[in-house]
C-alpha atoms as a PDB file:
ATOM      1  CA  MET A   1       0.370  -0.108   0.072  1.00  0.00           C
ATOM      2  CA  GLN A   2       0.969   3.684  -1.056  1.00  0.00           C
ATOM      3  CA  VAL A   3       0.863   6.153   1.290  1.00  0.00           C
ATOM      4  CA  ASN A   4       1.545   9.832   0.963  1.00  0.00           C
ATOM      5  CA  ALA A   5       0.335  13.169   2.348  1.00  0.00           C
ATOM      6  CA  VAL A   6      -0.351  16.876   1.462  1.00  0.00           C
ATOM      7  CA  ALA A   7       0.477  18.957   4.554  1.00  0.00           C
ATOM      8  CA  GLN A   8      -1.003  22.159   3.108  1.00  0.00           C
ATOM      9  CA  ASN A   9      -0.065  25.710   4.551  1.00  0.00           C
ATOM     10  CA  PHE A  10      -0.514  28.869   2.016  1.00  0.00           C
ATOM     11  CA  VAL A  11      -2.648  28.006   0.305  1.00  0.00           C
ATOM     12  CA  ASP A  12      -5.415  29.891  -0.997  1.00  0.00           C
ATOM     13  CA  ASN A  13      -7.988  28.936   0.719  1.00  0.00           C
ATOM     14  CA  PRO A  14     -11.774  31.302   1.283  1.00  0.00           C
ATOM     15  CA  THR A  15     -11.567  29.908   5.186  1.00  0.00           C
ATOM     16  CA  TYR A  16      -8.343  30.017   6.391  1.00  0.00           C
ATOM     17  CA  PHE A  17      -7.480  33.194   3.884  1.00  0.00           C
ATOM     18  CA  PRO A  18     -10.986  35.066   2.893  1.00  0.00           C
ATOM     19  CA  PRO A  19     -10.309  38.280   0.719  1.00  0.00           C
ATOM     20  CA  GLU A  20     -10.489  40.383   4.480  1.00  0.00           C
ATOM     21  CA  VAL A  21      -7.494  38.941   4.872  1.00  0.00           C
ATOM     22  CA  GLN A  22      -5.470  38.698   1.921  1.00  0.00           C
ATOM     23  CA  ALA A  23      -6.462  42.445   1.528  1.00  0.00           C
ATOM     24  CA  ASN A  24      -4.918  43.478   4.897  1.00  0.00           C
ATOM     25  CA  PRO A  25      -1.459  44.940   4.249  1.00  0.00           C
ATOM     26  CA  ARG A  26      -0.004  42.941   7.454  1.00  0.00           C
ATOM     27  CA  PHE A  27      -0.865  39.872   5.708  1.00  0.00           C
ATOM     28  CA  GLN A  28       0.454  40.936   2.712  1.00  0.00           C
ATOM     29  CA  GLU A  29       4.022  41.707   4.479  1.00  0.00           C
ATOM     30  CA  ARG A  30       3.928  38.487   5.982  1.00  0.00           C
ATOM     31  CA  LEU A  31       3.829  37.141   2.242  1.00  0.00           C
ATOM     32  CA  ALA A  32       6.627  38.637   1.584  1.00  0.00           C
ATOM     33  CA  ARG A  33       8.393  38.160   4.340  1.00  0.00           C
ATOM     34  CA  GLU A  34       8.150  34.650   4.994  1.00  0.00           C
ATOM     35  CA  VAL A  35       7.073  32.841   1.803  1.00  0.00           C
ATOM     36  CA  PRO A  36       9.160  32.742  -0.596  1.00  0.00           C
ATOM     37  CA  LEU A  37       6.862  32.450  -3.396  1.00  0.00           C
ATOM     38  CA  GLY A  38       5.763  35.536  -1.855  1.00  0.00           C
ATOM     39  CA  ARG A  39       2.686  34.510  -2.488  1.00  0.00           C
ATOM     40  CA  LEU A  40      -0.356  31.825  -2.003  1.00  0.00           C
ATOM     41  CA  VAL A  41      -0.111  28.640  -3.872  1.00  0.00           C
ATOM     42  CA  SER A  42      -3.588  28.307  -5.965  1.00  0.00           C
ATOM     43  CA  ALA A  43      -5.917  25.750  -5.641  1.00  0.00           C
ATOM     44  CA  ARG A  44      -5.636  24.987  -9.181  1.00  0.00           C
ATOM     45  CA  GLU A  45      -1.237  24.041  -8.001  1.00  0.00           C
ATOM     46  CA  ASP A  46      -2.617  22.535  -4.767  1.00  0.00           C
ATOM     47  CA  ALA A  47      -4.969  20.550  -7.088  1.00  0.00           C
ATOM     48  CA  LEU A  48      -2.358  19.116  -9.375  1.00  0.00           C
ATOM     49  CA  PHE A  49       0.294  18.294  -7.268  1.00  0.00           C
ATOM     50  CA  ALA A  50      -2.189  15.925  -5.510  1.00  0.00           C
ATOM     51  CA  ALA A  51      -3.419  14.283  -8.853  1.00  0.00           C
ATOM     52  CA  TYR A  52       0.187  13.943  -9.775  1.00  0.00           C
ATOM     53  CA  LEU A  53       0.980  11.717  -6.049  1.00  0.00           C
ATOM     54  CA  CYS A  54      -1.974   9.632  -6.959  1.00  0.00           C
ATOM     55  CA  SER A  55      -0.925   8.911 -10.732  1.00  0.00           C
ATOM     56  CA  SER A  56       1.406   6.029 -11.520  1.00  0.00           C
ATOM     57  CA  ALA A  57       4.393   9.088 -12.296  1.00  0.00           C
ATOM     58  CA  ALA A  58       4.670   9.193  -8.318  1.00  0.00           C
ATOM     59  CA  ASP A  59       5.321   5.304  -7.386  1.00  0.00           C
ATOM     60  CA  CYS A  60       8.931   6.243  -6.335  1.00  0.00           C
ATOM     61  CA  PHE A  61       7.435   8.286  -3.630  1.00  0.00           C
ATOM     62  CA  VAL A  62       6.177   6.574  -0.617  1.00  0.00           C
ATOM     63  CA  GLY A  63       4.979   7.643   3.104  1.00  0.00           C
ATOM     64  CA  GLN A  64       6.278  11.009   2.331  1.00  0.00           C
ATOM     65  CA  VAL A  65       4.294  14.081   3.304  1.00  0.00           C
ATOM     66  CA  PHE A  66       4.809  17.008   0.864  1.00  0.00           C
ATOM     67  CA  PRO A  67       4.531  20.322   2.241  1.00  0.00           C
ATOM     68  CA  VAL A  68       2.467  22.406  -0.102  1.00  0.00           C
ATOM     69  CA  CYS A  69       3.595  26.150   1.155  1.00  0.00           C
ATOM     70  CA  GLY A  70       5.120  28.851  -1.311  1.00  0.00           C
ATOM     71  CA  GLY A  71       8.642  27.686  -1.049  1.00  0.00           C
ATOM     72  CA  TRP A  72       8.627  27.527   2.944  1.00  0.00           C
ATOM     73  CA  VAL A  73       9.947  24.514   4.083  1.00  0.00           C
ATOM     74  CA  GLY A  74      12.868  24.927   1.631  1.00  0.00           C
ATOM     75  CA  ARG A  75      13.783  27.683   3.715  1.00  0.00           C
END
């Protein structure tokens, strides 16, 4: 059995990052300071990555947790 996980952080999500949060200058400063991409990861990018992990192309990854966070973990 193959099990992988996507650990989401800084992904565009209306529950965690509604428009009023995203429009806040302090939040924008935080993105610029803490997230190498300087933006939230899009829902499409997140979904494409999850689809990749479900594909046979990702058979070489087993038991991994992949952070999706705009590059924050790689810093």
